[in-house]
Amino acid sequence: MATHLDAIRSLPSMRKYIEEKLAEKDTEEVKSILLNNAYFISLLPQFVDYLESKARELREAVTVLATLSEGAMKTRRGLSELYLSVLAGEVTSQTPFVRELLQLQRYCNFTWN
């Protein structure tokens, strides 16, 4: 069990969380997460909920990008191809594909609610 917890602790998302806690000077929380397995286990459902929420947001954003790219664009991409590209880190706000979509959105004067 300890090996699994250590593997979770070494995930990039967990490292980022620890760094944020350190930036907030919450050293007691960091010590508890790193050294107290029972405490860390008690936090896991909260972390899973957070990750599921972020995954849902990502799916929604990819769906919007795929829908927008169905228009008359040179860089049309299907939902699966786009989703895999996002997960691989190949699609960011600076990617030409996304910049083109943003320009299209501005040109068409869409309102996002």
PDB file of N, CA and C in Angstrom:
ATOM      1  N   MET A   1       0.821  -1.201   0.000  1.00  0.00           N
ATOM      2  CA  MET A   1       0.000   0.000   0.000  1.00  0.00           C
ATOM      3  C   MET A   1       0.869   1.270   0.000  1.00  0.00           C
ATOM      4  N   ALA A   2       1.926   1.262   0.778  1.00  0.00           N
ATOM      5  CA  ALA A   2       2.790   2.444   0.867  1.00  0.00           C
ATOM      6  C   ALA A   2       3.418   2.765  -0.490  1.00  0.00           C
ATOM      7  N   THR A   3       3.736   1.731  -1.262  1.00  0.00           N
ATOM      8  CA  THR A   3       4.320   1.941  -2.588  1.00  0.00           C
ATOM      9  C   THR A   3       3.331   2.656  -3.499  1.00  0.00           C
ATOM     10  N   HIS A   4       2.056   2.265  -3.407  1.00  0.00           N
ATOM     11  CA  HIS A   4       1.024   2.912  -4.215  1.00  0.00           C
ATOM     12  C   HIS A   4       0.846   4.373  -3.799  1.00  0.00           C
ATOM     13  N   LEU A   5       0.860   4.618  -2.515  1.00  0.00           N
ATOM     14  CA  LEU A   5       0.719   5.995  -2.033  1.00  0.00           C
ATOM     15  C   LEU A   5       1.903   6.844  -2.473  1.00  0.00           C
ATOM     16  N   ASP A   6       3.092   6.271  -2.430  1.00  0.00           N
ATOM     17  CA  ASP A   6       4.276   7.004  -2.891  1.00  0.00           C
ATOM     18  C   ASP A   6       4.186   7.299  -4.388  1.00  0.00           C
ATOM     19  N   ALA A   7       3.638   6.354  -5.144  1.00  0.00           N
ATOM     20  CA  ALA A   7       3.466   6.584  -6.583  1.00  0.00           C
ATOM     21  C   ALA A   7       2.495   7.736  -6.819  1.00  0.00           C
ATOM     22  N   ILE A   8       1.416   7.787  -6.046  1.00  0.00           N
ATOM     23  CA  ILE A   8       0.456   8.895  -6.171  1.00  0.00           C
ATOM     24  C   ILE A   8       1.113  10.206  -5.775  1.00  0.00           C
ATOM     25  N   ARG A   9       1.888  10.169  -4.701  1.00  0.00           N
ATOM     26  CA  ARG A   9       2.576  11.384  -4.257  1.00  0.00           C
ATOM     27  C   ARG A   9       3.539  11.922  -5.321  1.00  0.00           C
ATOM     28  N   SER A  10       4.056  11.046  -6.166  1.00  0.00           N
ATOM     29  CA  SER A  10       5.043  11.488  -7.158  1.00  0.00           C
ATOM     30  C   SER A  10       4.418  11.945  -8.474  1.00  0.00           C
ATOM     31  N   LEU A  11       3.097  11.880  -8.581  1.00  0.00           N
ATOM     32  CA  LEU A  11       2.440  12.360  -9.800  1.00  0.00           C
ATOM     33  C   LEU A  11       2.642  13.863  -9.967  1.00  0.00           C
ATOM     34  N   PRO A  12       2.767  14.331 -11.210  1.00  0.00           N
ATOM     35  CA  PRO A  12       2.949  15.780 -11.434  1.00  0.00           C
ATOM     36  C   PRO A  12       1.834  16.618 -10.804  1.00  0.00           C
ATOM     37  N   SER A  13       0.605  16.161 -10.861  1.00  0.00           N
ATOM     38  CA  SER A  13      -0.500  16.939 -10.281  1.00  0.00           C
ATOM     39  C   SER A  13      -0.359  17.038  -8.764  1.00  0.00           C
ATOM     40  N   MET A  14       0.124  15.972  -8.128  1.00  0.00           N
ATOM     41  CA  MET A  14       0.318  16.009  -6.679  1.00  0.00           C
ATOM     42  C   MET A  14       1.497  16.900  -6.329  1.00  0.00           C
ATOM     43  N   ARG A  15       2.544  16.832  -7.141  1.00  0.00           N
ATOM     44  CA  ARG A  15       3.686  17.721  -6.902  1.00  0.00           C
ATOM     45  C   ARG A  15       3.254  19.184  -6.988  1.00  0.00           C
ATOM     46  N   LYS A  16       2.420  19.479  -7.973  1.00  0.00           N
ATOM     47  CA  LYS A  16       1.931  20.856  -8.124  1.00  0.00           C
ATOM     48  C   LYS A  16       1.118  21.269  -6.892  1.00  0.00           C
ATOM     49  N   TYR A  17       0.268  20.363  -6.416  1.00  0.00           N
ATOM     50  CA  TYR A  17      -0.533  20.643  -5.218  1.00  0.00           C
ATOM     51  C   TYR A  17       0.381  20.921  -4.025  1.00  0.00           C
ATOM     52  N   ILE A  18       1.415  20.099  -3.849  1.00  0.00           N
ATOM     53  CA  ILE A  18       2.370  20.282  -2.748  1.00  0.00           C
ATOM     54  C   ILE A  18       3.089  21.622  -2.882  1.00  0.00           C
ATOM     55  N   GLU A  19       3.501  21.956  -4.091  1.00  0.00           N
ATOM     56  CA  GLU A  19       4.179  23.241  -4.315  1.00  0.00           C
ATOM     57  C   GLU A  19       3.268  24.415  -3.980  1.00  0.00           C
ATOM     58  N   GLU A  20       1.978  24.292  -4.330  1.00  0.00           N
ATOM     59  CA  GLU A  20       1.027  25.357  -3.990  1.00  0.00           C
ATOM     60  C   GLU A  20       0.888  25.494  -2.477  1.00  0.00           C
ATOM     61  N   LYS A  21       0.825  24.367  -1.791  1.00  0.00           N
ATOM     62  CA  LYS A  21       0.726  24.401  -0.323  1.00  0.00           C
ATOM     63  C   LYS A  21       1.985  25.019   0.286  1.00  0.00           C
ATOM     64  N   LEU A  22       3.136  24.713  -0.284  1.00  0.00           N
ATOM     65  CA  LEU A  22       4.371  25.307   0.216  1.00  0.00           C
ATOM     66  C   LEU A  22       4.396  26.811  -0.040  1.00  0.00           C
ATOM     67  N   ALA A  23       3.899  27.229  -1.197  1.00  0.00           N
ATOM     68  CA  ALA A  23       3.837  28.662  -1.506  1.00  0.00           C
ATOM     69  C   ALA A  23       2.912  29.385  -0.526  1.00  0.00           C
ATOM     70  N   GLU A  24       1.876  28.674  -0.065  1.00  0.00           N
ATOM     71  CA  GLU A  24       0.946  29.239   0.921  1.00  0.00           C
ATOM     72  C   GLU A  24       1.500  29.126   2.343  1.00  0.00           C
ATOM     73  N   LYS A  25       2.701  28.543   2.473  1.00  0.00           N
ATOM     74  CA  LYS A  25       3.366  28.319   3.761  1.00  0.00           C
ATOM     75  C   LYS A  25       2.583  27.352   4.658  1.00  0.00           C
ATOM     76  N   ASP A  26       1.869  26.418   4.030  1.00  0.00           N
ATOM     77  CA  ASP A  26       1.093  25.411   4.765  1.00  0.00           C
ATOM     78  C   ASP A  26       1.951  24.160   4.938  1.00  0.00           C
ATOM     79  N   THR A  27       3.024  24.301   5.722  1.00  0.00           N
ATOM     80  CA  THR A  27       3.979  23.208   5.880  1.00  0.00           C
ATOM     81  C   THR A  27       3.406  22.031   6.660  1.00  0.00           C
ATOM     82  N   GLU A  28       2.490  22.277   7.571  1.00  0.00           N
ATOM     83  CA  GLU A  28       1.875  21.182   8.325  1.00  0.00           C
ATOM     84  C   GLU A  28       1.078  20.269   7.394  1.00  0.00           C
ATOM     85  N   GLU A  29       0.346  20.866   6.469  1.00  0.00           N
ATOM     86  CA  GLU A  29      -0.420  20.086   5.485  1.00  0.00           C
ATOM     87  C   GLU A  29       0.531  19.260   4.618  1.00  0.00           C
ATOM     88  N   VAL A  30       1.607  19.879   4.185  1.00  0.00           N
ATOM     89  CA  VAL A  30       2.579  19.186   3.344  1.00  0.00           C
ATOM     90  C   VAL A  30       3.191  18.011   4.107  1.00  0.00           C
ATOM     91  N   LYS A  31       3.585  18.231   5.355  1.00  0.00           N
ATOM     92  CA  LYS A  31       4.152  17.151   6.164  1.00  0.00           C
ATOM     93  C   LYS A  31       3.158  16.005   6.318  1.00  0.00           C
ATOM     94  N   SER A  32       1.904  16.351   6.569  1.00  0.00           N
ATOM     95  CA  SER A  32       0.886  15.314   6.750  1.00  0.00           C
ATOM     96  C   SER A  32       0.682  14.508   5.476  1.00  0.00           C
ATOM     97  N   ILE A  33       0.645  15.190   4.342  1.00  0.00           N
ATOM     98  CA  ILE A  33       0.456  14.496   3.060  1.00  0.00           C
ATOM     99  C   ILE A  33       1.639  13.576   2.771  1.00  0.00           C
ATOM    100  N   LEU A  34       2.835  14.054   3.041  1.00  0.00           N
ATOM    101  CA  LEU A  34       4.032  13.289   2.700  1.00  0.00           C
ATOM    102  C   LEU A  34       4.362  12.181   3.709  1.00  0.00           C
ATOM    103  N   LEU A  35       4.005  12.373   4.970  1.00  0.00           N
ATOM    104  CA  LEU A  35       4.456  11.440   6.002  1.00  0.00           C
ATOM    105  C   LEU A  35       3.349  10.620   6.661  1.00  0.00           C
ATOM    106  N   ASN A  36       2.120  11.057   6.565  1.00  0.00           N
ATOM    107  CA  ASN A  36       1.026  10.382   7.263  1.00  0.00           C
ATOM    108  C   ASN A  36       0.120   9.679   6.247  1.00  0.00           C
ATOM    109  N   ASN A  37       0.323   8.392   6.073  1.00  0.00           N
ATOM    110  CA  ASN A  37      -0.442   7.646   5.079  1.00  0.00           C
ATOM    111  C   ASN A  37      -1.940   7.673   5.348  1.00  0.00           C
ATOM    112  N   ALA A  38      -2.348   7.558   6.603  1.00  0.00           N
ATOM    113  CA  ALA A  38      -3.786   7.566   6.931  1.00  0.00           C
ATOM    114  C   ALA A  38      -4.417   8.897   6.535  1.00  0.00           C
ATOM    115  N   TYR A  39      -3.730   9.990   6.809  1.00  0.00           N
ATOM    116  CA  TYR A  39      -4.246  11.307   6.430  1.00  0.00           C
ATOM    117  C   TYR A  39      -4.319  11.430   4.909  1.00  0.00           C
ATOM    118  N   PHE A  40      -3.260  10.988   4.246  1.00  0.00           N
ATOM    119  CA  PHE A  40      -3.213  11.072   2.786  1.00  0.00           C
ATOM    120  C   PHE A  40      -4.355  10.258   2.170  1.00  0.00           C
ATOM    121  N   ILE A  41      -4.587   9.069   2.680  1.00  0.00           N
ATOM    122  CA  ILE A  41      -5.681   8.233   2.180  1.00  0.00           C
ATOM    123  C   ILE A  41      -7.022   8.935   2.361  1.00  0.00           C
ATOM    124  N   SER A  42      -7.186   9.655   3.460  1.00  0.00           N
ATOM    125  CA  SER A  42      -8.455  10.359   3.708  1.00  0.00           C
ATOM    126  C   SER A  42      -8.692  11.476   2.694  1.00  0.00           C
ATOM    127  N   LEU A  43      -7.614  12.001   2.093  1.00  0.00           N
ATOM    128  CA  LEU A  43      -7.737  13.072   1.103  1.00  0.00           C
ATOM    129  C   LEU A  43      -8.001  12.563  -0.310  1.00  0.00           C
ATOM    130  N   LEU A  44      -7.723  11.298  -0.571  1.00  0.00           N
ATOM    131  CA  LEU A  44      -7.805  10.774  -1.936  1.00  0.00           C
ATOM    132  C   LEU A  44      -9.182  10.957  -2.585  1.00  0.00           C
ATOM    133  N   PRO A  45     -10.303  10.717  -1.888  1.00  0.00           N
ATOM    134  CA  PRO A  45     -11.595  10.966  -2.551  1.00  0.00           C
ATOM    135  C   PRO A  45     -11.753  12.419  -3.024  1.00  0.00           C
ATOM    136  N   GLN A  46     -11.255  13.353  -2.244  1.00  0.00           N
ATOM    137  CA  GLN A  46     -11.306  14.771  -2.621  1.00  0.00           C
ATOM    138  C   GLN A  46     -10.471  15.017  -3.882  1.00  0.00           C
ATOM    139  N   PHE A  47      -9.295  14.427  -3.954  1.00  0.00           N
ATOM    140  CA  PHE A  47      -8.441  14.585  -5.132  1.00  0.00           C
ATOM    141  C   PHE A  47      -9.076  13.948  -6.363  1.00  0.00           C
ATOM    142  N   VAL A  48      -9.683  12.784  -6.188  1.00  0.00           N
ATOM    143  CA  VAL A  48     -10.335  12.104  -7.308  1.00  0.00           C
ATOM    144  C   VAL A  48     -11.491  12.955  -7.830  1.00  0.00           C
ATOM    145  N   ASP A  49     -12.299  13.515  -6.934  1.00  0.00           N
ATOM    146  CA  ASP A  49     -13.400  14.400  -7.349  1.00  0.00           C
ATOM    147  C   ASP A  49     -12.877  15.592  -8.142  1.00  0.00           C
ATOM    148  N   TYR A  50     -11.792  16.183  -7.672  1.00  0.00           N
ATOM    149  CA  TYR A  50     -11.196  17.332  -8.351  1.00  0.00           C
ATOM    150  C   TYR A  50     -10.727  16.943  -9.753  1.00  0.00           C
ATOM    151  N   LEU A  51     -10.046  15.802  -9.860  1.00  0.00           N
ATOM    152  CA  LEU A  51      -9.544  15.361 -11.167  1.00  0.00           C
ATOM    153  C   LEU A  51     -10.687  15.021 -12.117  1.00  0.00           C
ATOM    154  N   GLU A  52     -11.752  14.419 -11.603  1.00  0.00           N
ATOM    155  CA  GLU A  52     -12.915  14.122 -12.444  1.00  0.00           C
ATOM    156  C   GLU A  52     -13.553  15.407 -12.955  1.00  0.00           C
ATOM    157  N   SER A  53     -13.606  16.415 -12.104  1.00  0.00           N
ATOM    158  CA  SER A  53     -14.156  17.711 -12.503  1.00  0.00           C
ATOM    159  C   SER A  53     -13.310  18.333 -13.619  1.00  0.00           C
ATOM    160  N   LYS A  54     -11.993  18.282 -13.472  1.00  0.00           N
ATOM    161  CA  LYS A  54     -11.100  18.839 -14.498  1.00  0.00           C
ATOM    162  C   LYS A  54     -11.196  18.042 -15.796  1.00  0.00           C
ATOM    163  N   ALA A  55     -11.349  16.717 -15.696  1.00  0.00           N
ATOM    164  CA  ALA A  55     -11.491  15.887 -16.898  1.00  0.00           C
ATOM    165  C   ALA A  55     -12.782  16.232 -17.626  1.00  0.00           C
ATOM    166  N   ARG A  56     -13.844  16.480 -16.890  1.00  0.00           N
ATOM    167  CA  ARG A  56     -15.123  16.885 -17.493  1.00  0.00           C
ATOM    168  C   ARG A  56     -14.974  18.220 -18.219  1.00  0.00           C
ATOM    169  N   GLU A  57     -14.306  19.173 -17.583  1.00  0.00           N
ATOM    170  CA  GLU A  57     -14.068  20.477 -18.218  1.00  0.00           C
ATOM    171  C   GLU A  57     -13.241  20.318 -19.498  1.00  0.00           C
ATOM    172  N   LEU A  58     -12.242  19.449 -19.452  1.00  0.00           N
ATOM    173  CA  LEU A  58     -11.412  19.203 -20.623  1.00  0.00           C
ATOM    174  C   LEU A  58     -12.237  18.608 -21.757  1.00  0.00           C
ATOM    175  N   ARG A  59     -13.079  17.613 -21.443  1.00  0.00           N
ATOM    176  CA  ARG A  59     -13.934  17.006 -22.472  1.00  0.00           C
ATOM    177  C   ARG A  59     -14.852  18.053 -23.101  1.00  0.00           C
ATOM    178  N   GLU A  60     -15.425  18.915 -22.271  1.00  0.00           N
ATOM    179  CA  GLU A  60     -16.315  19.960 -22.788  1.00  0.00           C
ATOM    180  C   GLU A  60     -15.562  20.921 -23.695  1.00  0.00           C
ATOM    181  N   ALA A  61     -14.366  21.314 -23.293  1.00  0.00           N
ATOM    182  CA  ALA A  61     -13.568  22.237 -24.112  1.00  0.00           C
ATOM    183  C   ALA A  61     -13.175  21.599 -25.440  1.00  0.00           C
ATOM    184  N   VAL A  62     -12.811  20.327 -25.411  1.00  0.00           N
ATOM    185  CA  VAL A  62     -12.437  19.627 -26.642  1.00  0.00           C
ATOM    186  C   VAL A  62     -13.645  19.504 -27.560  1.00  0.00           C
ATOM    187  N   THR A  63     -14.803  19.251 -26.982  1.00  0.00           N
ATOM    188  CA  THR A  63     -16.027  19.150 -27.788  1.00  0.00           C
ATOM    189  C   THR A  63     -16.321  20.478 -28.473  1.00  0.00           C
ATOM    190  N   VAL A  64     -16.136  21.574 -27.769  1.00  0.00           N
ATOM    191  CA  VAL A  64     -16.348  22.899 -28.364  1.00  0.00           C
ATOM    192  C   VAL A  64     -15.349  23.128 -29.496  1.00  0.00           C
ATOM    193  N   LEU A  65     -14.075  22.805 -29.260  1.00  0.00           N
ATOM    194  CA  LEU A  65     -13.062  22.979 -30.310  1.00  0.00           C
ATOM    195  C   LEU A  65     -13.389  22.132 -31.535  1.00  0.00           C
ATOM    196  N   ALA A  66     -13.792  20.895 -31.316  1.00  0.00           N
ATOM    197  CA  ALA A  66     -14.123  20.016 -32.442  1.00  0.00           C
ATOM    198  C   ALA A  66     -15.323  20.551 -33.208  1.00  0.00           C
ATOM    199  N   THR A  67     -16.322  21.039 -32.499  1.00  0.00           N
ATOM    200  CA  THR A  67     -17.516  21.583 -33.136  1.00  0.00           C
ATOM    201  C   THR A  67     -17.169  22.814 -33.963  1.00  0.00           C
ATOM    202  N   LEU A  68     -16.353  23.690 -33.389  1.00  0.00           N
ATOM    203  CA  LEU A  68     -15.951  24.892 -34.120  1.00  0.00           C
ATOM    204  C   LEU A  68     -15.124  24.538 -35.356  1.00  0.00           C
ATOM    205  N   SER A  69     -14.319  23.486 -35.239  1.00  0.00           N
ATOM    206  CA  SER A  69     -13.460  23.140 -36.370  1.00  0.00           C
ATOM    207  C   SER A  69     -14.235  22.476 -37.503  1.00  0.00           C
ATOM    208  N   GLU A  70     -15.490  22.103 -37.267  1.00  0.00           N
ATOM    209  CA  GLU A  70     -16.303  21.506 -38.323  1.00  0.00           C
ATOM    210  C   GLU A  70     -16.678  22.520 -39.392  1.00  0.00           C
ATOM    211  N   GLY A  71     -16.528  23.805 -39.075  1.00  0.00           N
ATOM    212  CA  GLY A  71     -16.833  24.847 -40.050  1.00  0.00           C
ATOM    213  C   GLY A  71     -15.815  24.860 -41.173  1.00  0.00           C
ATOM    214  N   ALA A  72     -15.814  25.919 -41.913  1.00  0.00           N
ATOM    215  CA  ALA A  72     -14.918  26.026 -43.072  1.00  0.00           C
ATOM    216  C   ALA A  72     -13.517  26.422 -42.631  1.00  0.00           C
ATOM    217  N   MET A  73     -12.818  25.469 -42.020  1.00  0.00           N
ATOM    218  CA  MET A  73     -11.452  25.742 -41.560  1.00  0.00           C
ATOM    219  C   MET A  73     -10.468  24.842 -42.284  1.00  0.00           C
ATOM    220  N   LYS A  74      -9.283  25.369 -42.489  1.00  0.00           N
ATOM    221  CA  LYS A  74      -8.232  24.581 -43.124  1.00  0.00           C
ATOM    222  C   LYS A  74      -7.746  23.457 -42.212  1.00  0.00           C
ATOM    223  N   THR A  75      -7.820  23.667 -40.923  1.00  0.00           N
ATOM    224  CA  THR A  75      -7.255  22.724 -39.959  1.00  0.00           C
ATOM    225  C   THR A  75      -8.340  21.915 -39.249  1.00  0.00           C
ATOM    226  N   ARG A  76      -9.299  21.436 -39.969  1.00  0.00           N
ATOM    227  CA  ARG A  76     -10.393  20.646 -39.397  1.00  0.00           C
ATOM    228  C   ARG A  76      -9.838  19.408 -38.692  1.00  0.00           C
ATOM    229  N   ARG A  77     -10.361  19.115 -37.508  1.00  0.00           N
ATOM    230  CA  ARG A  77      -9.915  17.949 -36.744  1.00  0.00           C
ATOM    231  C   ARG A  77     -11.137  17.259 -36.137  1.00  0.00           C
ATOM    232  N   GLY A  78     -11.082  15.937 -36.114  1.00  0.00           N
ATOM    233  CA  GLY A  78     -12.143  15.158 -35.490  1.00  0.00           C
ATOM    234  C   GLY A  78     -12.002  15.170 -33.981  1.00  0.00           C
ATOM    235  N   LEU A  79     -13.072  14.786 -33.295  1.00  0.00           N
ATOM    236  CA  LEU A  79     -13.094  14.811 -31.831  1.00  0.00           C
ATOM    237  C   LEU A  79     -12.003  13.926 -31.238  1.00  0.00           C
ATOM    238  N   SER A  80     -11.873  12.675 -31.735  1.00  0.00           N
ATOM    239  CA  SER A  80     -10.861  11.791 -31.138  1.00  0.00           C
ATOM    240  C   SER A  80      -9.446  12.279 -31.383  1.00  0.00           C
ATOM    241  N   GLU A  81      -9.183  12.731 -32.598  1.00  0.00           N
ATOM    242  CA  GLU A  81      -7.842  13.237 -32.910  1.00  0.00           C
ATOM    243  C   GLU A  81      -7.521  14.448 -32.041  1.00  0.00           C
ATOM    244  N   LEU A  82      -8.473  15.332 -31.895  1.00  0.00           N
ATOM    245  CA  LEU A  82      -8.275  16.535 -31.098  1.00  0.00           C
ATOM    246  C   LEU A  82      -8.064  16.186 -29.626  1.00  0.00           C
ATOM    247  N   TYR A  83      -8.871  15.266 -29.122  1.00  0.00           N
ATOM    248  CA  TYR A  83      -8.763  14.870 -27.710  1.00  0.00           C
ATOM    249  C   TYR A  83      -7.382  14.280 -27.429  1.00  0.00           C
ATOM    250  N   LEU A  84      -6.910  13.403 -28.304  1.00  0.00           N
ATOM    251  CA  LEU A  84      -5.590  12.809 -28.118  1.00  0.00           C
ATOM    252  C   LEU A  84      -4.485  13.864 -28.198  1.00  0.00           C
ATOM    253  N   SER A  85      -4.648  14.822 -29.095  1.00  0.00           N
ATOM    254  CA  SER A  85      -3.656  15.901 -29.216  1.00  0.00           C
ATOM    255  C   SER A  85      -3.601  16.750 -27.951  1.00  0.00           C
ATOM    256  N   VAL A  86      -4.771  17.022 -27.371  1.00  0.00           N
ATOM    257  CA  VAL A  86      -4.821  17.806 -26.132  1.00  0.00           C
ATOM    258  C   VAL A  86      -4.151  17.027 -25.004  1.00  0.00           C
ATOM    259  N   LEU A  87      -4.478  15.744 -24.875  1.00  0.00           N
ATOM    260  CA  LEU A  87      -3.877  14.935 -23.810  1.00  0.00           C
ATOM    261  C   LEU A  87      -2.368  14.814 -23.962  1.00  0.00           C
ATOM    262  N   ALA A  88      -1.888  14.809 -25.192  1.00  0.00           N
ATOM    263  CA  ALA A  88      -0.455  14.714 -25.438  1.00  0.00           C
ATOM    264  C   ALA A  88       0.252  16.058 -25.262  1.00  0.00           C
ATOM    265  N   GLY A  89      -0.514  17.111 -24.991  1.00  0.00           N
ATOM    266  CA  GLY A  89       0.081  18.432 -24.803  1.00  0.00           C
ATOM    267  C   GLY A  89       0.419  19.133 -26.098  1.00  0.00           C
ATOM    268  N   GLU A  90      -0.114  18.640 -27.209  1.00  0.00           N
ATOM    269  CA  GLU A  90       0.186  19.230 -28.513  1.00  0.00           C
ATOM    270  C   GLU A  90      -0.734  20.393 -28.852  1.00  0.00           C
ATOM    271  N   VAL A  91      -1.812  20.563 -28.109  1.00  0.00           N
ATOM    272  CA  VAL A  91      -2.763  21.645 -28.360  1.00  0.00           C
ATOM    273  C   VAL A  91      -2.807  22.535 -27.125  1.00  0.00           C
ATOM    274  N   THR A  92      -2.421  23.794 -27.315  1.00  0.00           N
ATOM    275  CA  THR A  92      -2.458  24.787 -26.245  1.00  0.00           C
ATOM    276  C   THR A  92      -3.086  26.057 -26.808  1.00  0.00           C
ATOM    277  N   SER A  93      -3.169  27.072 -25.988  1.00  0.00           N
ATOM    278  CA  SER A  93      -3.737  28.337 -26.465  1.00  0.00           C
ATOM    279  C   SER A  93      -2.860  28.984 -27.527  1.00  0.00           C
ATOM    280  N   GLN A  94      -1.602  28.536 -27.650  1.00  0.00           N
ATOM    281  CA  GLN A  94      -0.688  29.103 -28.651  1.00  0.00           C
ATOM    282  C   GLN A  94      -0.600  28.265 -29.925  1.00  0.00           C
ATOM    283  N   THR A  95      -1.295  27.133 -29.966  1.00  0.00           N
ATOM    284  CA  THR A  95      -1.294  26.279 -31.154  1.00  0.00           C
ATOM    285  C   THR A  95      -2.011  27.005 -32.290  1.00  0.00           C
ATOM    286  N   PRO A  96      -1.450  26.988 -33.503  1.00  0.00           N
ATOM    287  CA  PRO A  96      -2.100  27.673 -34.629  1.00  0.00           C
ATOM    288  C   PRO A  96      -3.575  27.289 -34.797  1.00  0.00           C
ATOM    289  N   PHE A  97      -3.890  26.026 -34.593  1.00  0.00           N
ATOM    290  CA  PHE A  97      -5.272  25.556 -34.699  1.00  0.00           C
ATOM    291  C   PHE A  97      -6.185  26.308 -33.735  1.00  0.00           C
ATOM    292  N   VAL A  98      -5.771  26.435 -32.482  1.00  0.00           N
ATOM    293  CA  VAL A  98      -6.582  27.113 -31.467  1.00  0.00           C
ATOM    294  C   VAL A  98      -6.614  28.612 -31.739  1.00  0.00           C
ATOM    295  N   ARG A  99      -5.478  29.174 -32.127  1.00  0.00           N
ATOM    296  CA  ARG A  99      -5.469  30.606 -32.455  1.00  0.00           C
ATOM    297  C   ARG A  99      -6.417  30.908 -33.609  1.00  0.00           C
ATOM    298  N   GLU A 100      -6.462  30.021 -34.599  1.00  0.00           N
ATOM    299  CA  GLU A 100      -7.381  30.198 -35.725  1.00  0.00           C
ATOM    300  C   GLU A 100      -8.836  30.137 -35.249  1.00  0.00           C
ATOM    301  N   LEU A 101      -9.124  29.214 -34.327  1.00  0.00           N
ATOM    302  CA  LEU A 101     -10.483  29.125 -33.780  1.00  0.00           C
ATOM    303  C   LEU A 101     -10.845  30.385 -32.996  1.00  0.00           C
ATOM    304  N   LEU A 102      -9.894  30.895 -32.240  1.00  0.00           N
ATOM    305  CA  LEU A 102     -10.148  32.123 -31.475  1.00  0.00           C
ATOM    306  C   LEU A 102     -10.385  33.305 -32.401  1.00  0.00           C
ATOM    307  N   GLN A 103      -9.630  33.380 -33.492  1.00  0.00           N
ATOM    308  CA  GLN A 103      -9.853  34.457 -34.460  1.00  0.00           C
ATOM    309  C   GLN A 103     -11.224  34.311 -35.105  1.00  0.00           C
ATOM    310  N   LEU A 104     -11.605  33.084 -35.414  1.00  0.00           N
ATOM    311  CA  LEU A 104     -12.931  32.831 -35.984  1.00  0.00           C
ATOM    312  C   LEU A 104     -14.011  33.257 -35.006  1.00  0.00           C
ATOM    313  N   GLN A 105     -13.809  32.916 -33.741  1.00  0.00           N
ATOM    314  CA  GLN A 105     -14.783  33.281 -32.711  1.00  0.00           C
ATOM    315  C   GLN A 105     -14.912  34.803 -32.622  1.00  0.00           C
ATOM    316  N   ARG A 106     -13.796  35.509 -32.653  1.00  0.00           N
ATOM    317  CA  ARG A 106     -13.843  36.970 -32.592  1.00  0.00           C
ATOM    318  C   ARG A 106     -14.501  37.541 -33.845  1.00  0.00           C
ATOM    319  N   TYR A 107     -14.165  36.975 -34.991  1.00  0.00           N
ATOM    320  CA  TYR A 107     -14.709  37.448 -36.259  1.00  0.00           C
ATOM    321  C   TYR A 107     -16.228  37.281 -36.298  1.00  0.00           C
ATOM    322  N   CYS A 108     -16.683  36.151 -35.822  1.00  0.00           N
ATOM    323  CA  CYS A 108     -18.133  35.881 -35.842  1.00  0.00           C
ATOM    324  C   CYS A 108     -18.841  36.510 -34.661  1.00  0.00           C
ATOM    325  N   ASN A 109     -18.059  37.085 -33.738  1.00  0.00           N
ATOM    326  CA  ASN A 109     -18.610  37.766 -32.585  1.00  0.00           C
ATOM    327  C   ASN A 109     -19.513  36.858 -31.757  1.00  0.00           C
ATOM    328  N   PHE A 110     -19.015  35.631 -31.494  1.00  0.00           N
ATOM    329  CA  PHE A 110     -19.763  34.704 -30.653  1.00  0.00           C
ATOM    330  C   PHE A 110     -19.780  35.210 -29.219  1.00  0.00           C
ATOM    331  N   THR A 111     -20.818  34.874 -28.491  1.00  0.00           N
ATOM    332  CA  THR A 111     -20.856  35.159 -27.066  1.00  0.00           C
ATOM    333  C   THR A 111     -20.844  33.837 -26.324  1.00  0.00           C
ATOM    334  N   TRP A 112     -19.927  33.716 -25.409  1.00  0.00           N
ATOM    335  CA  TRP A 112     -19.812  32.473 -24.613  1.00  0.00           C
ATOM    336  C   TRP A 112     -20.429  32.711 -23.241  1.00  0.00           C
ATOM    337  N   ASN A 113     -21.381  31.893 -22.904  1.00  0.00           N
ATOM    338  CA  ASN A 113     -22.023  32.002 -21.569  1.00  0.00           C
ATOM    339  C   ASN A 113     -21.852  30.719 -20.824  1.00  0.00           C
TER     340      ASN A 113
END
